[in-house]
Amino acid sequence: MQKITSFILNKITGLFFLAFFCFSLISLLSKSAEDPYLGSFVKNETINNLFGLAGSYFAGTIYAFFGYSAYFIPIFFLIIGFKKTFGIQVKYILMHFFFYVLGIIFLSIILNYWFLNGGIFGQLLFEIFNNELNFLLTNKLIFFSLLFCIHLLTLFLLFFGLTINYK
């Protein structure tokens, strides 16, 4: 009996994560600049987001904080949803989510370095790193080594957040 309830609970949890994946991806893809979100003062009568007001607030807020790297957030829910649905054991989900979000924040910093939209987090942290580590910018070898290490750390954090165990 306990195996059946565990099986059903895993399926329901997996379907919840897959539904949240669909919600977040479609909300981000149908995001419009005229839609309201937290921190905006737009008074628009029509909402262009496919999920309405909830999708507008979700997508606009996530995009404002993370920029282009916000499009990586649904991938986590897709992977976890498939793992739970197909019975793959998921351990330490909060730790993986924490490292994945940390990787997204580092990706926002990298996007701001390459003059792309990294959102509020990326811009703020890039300015802090730029001001505090300004002395490293004069030595090109140290600067490019640090930049390379940040790129590697970002890739590690993103992939560690998405690891799949088949045990």
Foldseek 3Di string as FASTA:
>chain_A
DVVVVLLVVLQVLLVVLVVVLVLQQQLQVQEDPQFDEPPDDRDDPDGRRPVPNVSHHNNVVLCQAFPPLSNVVSVLSNLSSVCSNVVFDDPPLVVLVVLQVVLSLLVLLVCVVVVHHGHPSNVVVVVVCCVVVVVQVVPVVSVVVVVVVSVVSSVVSNVSSNDGDRD
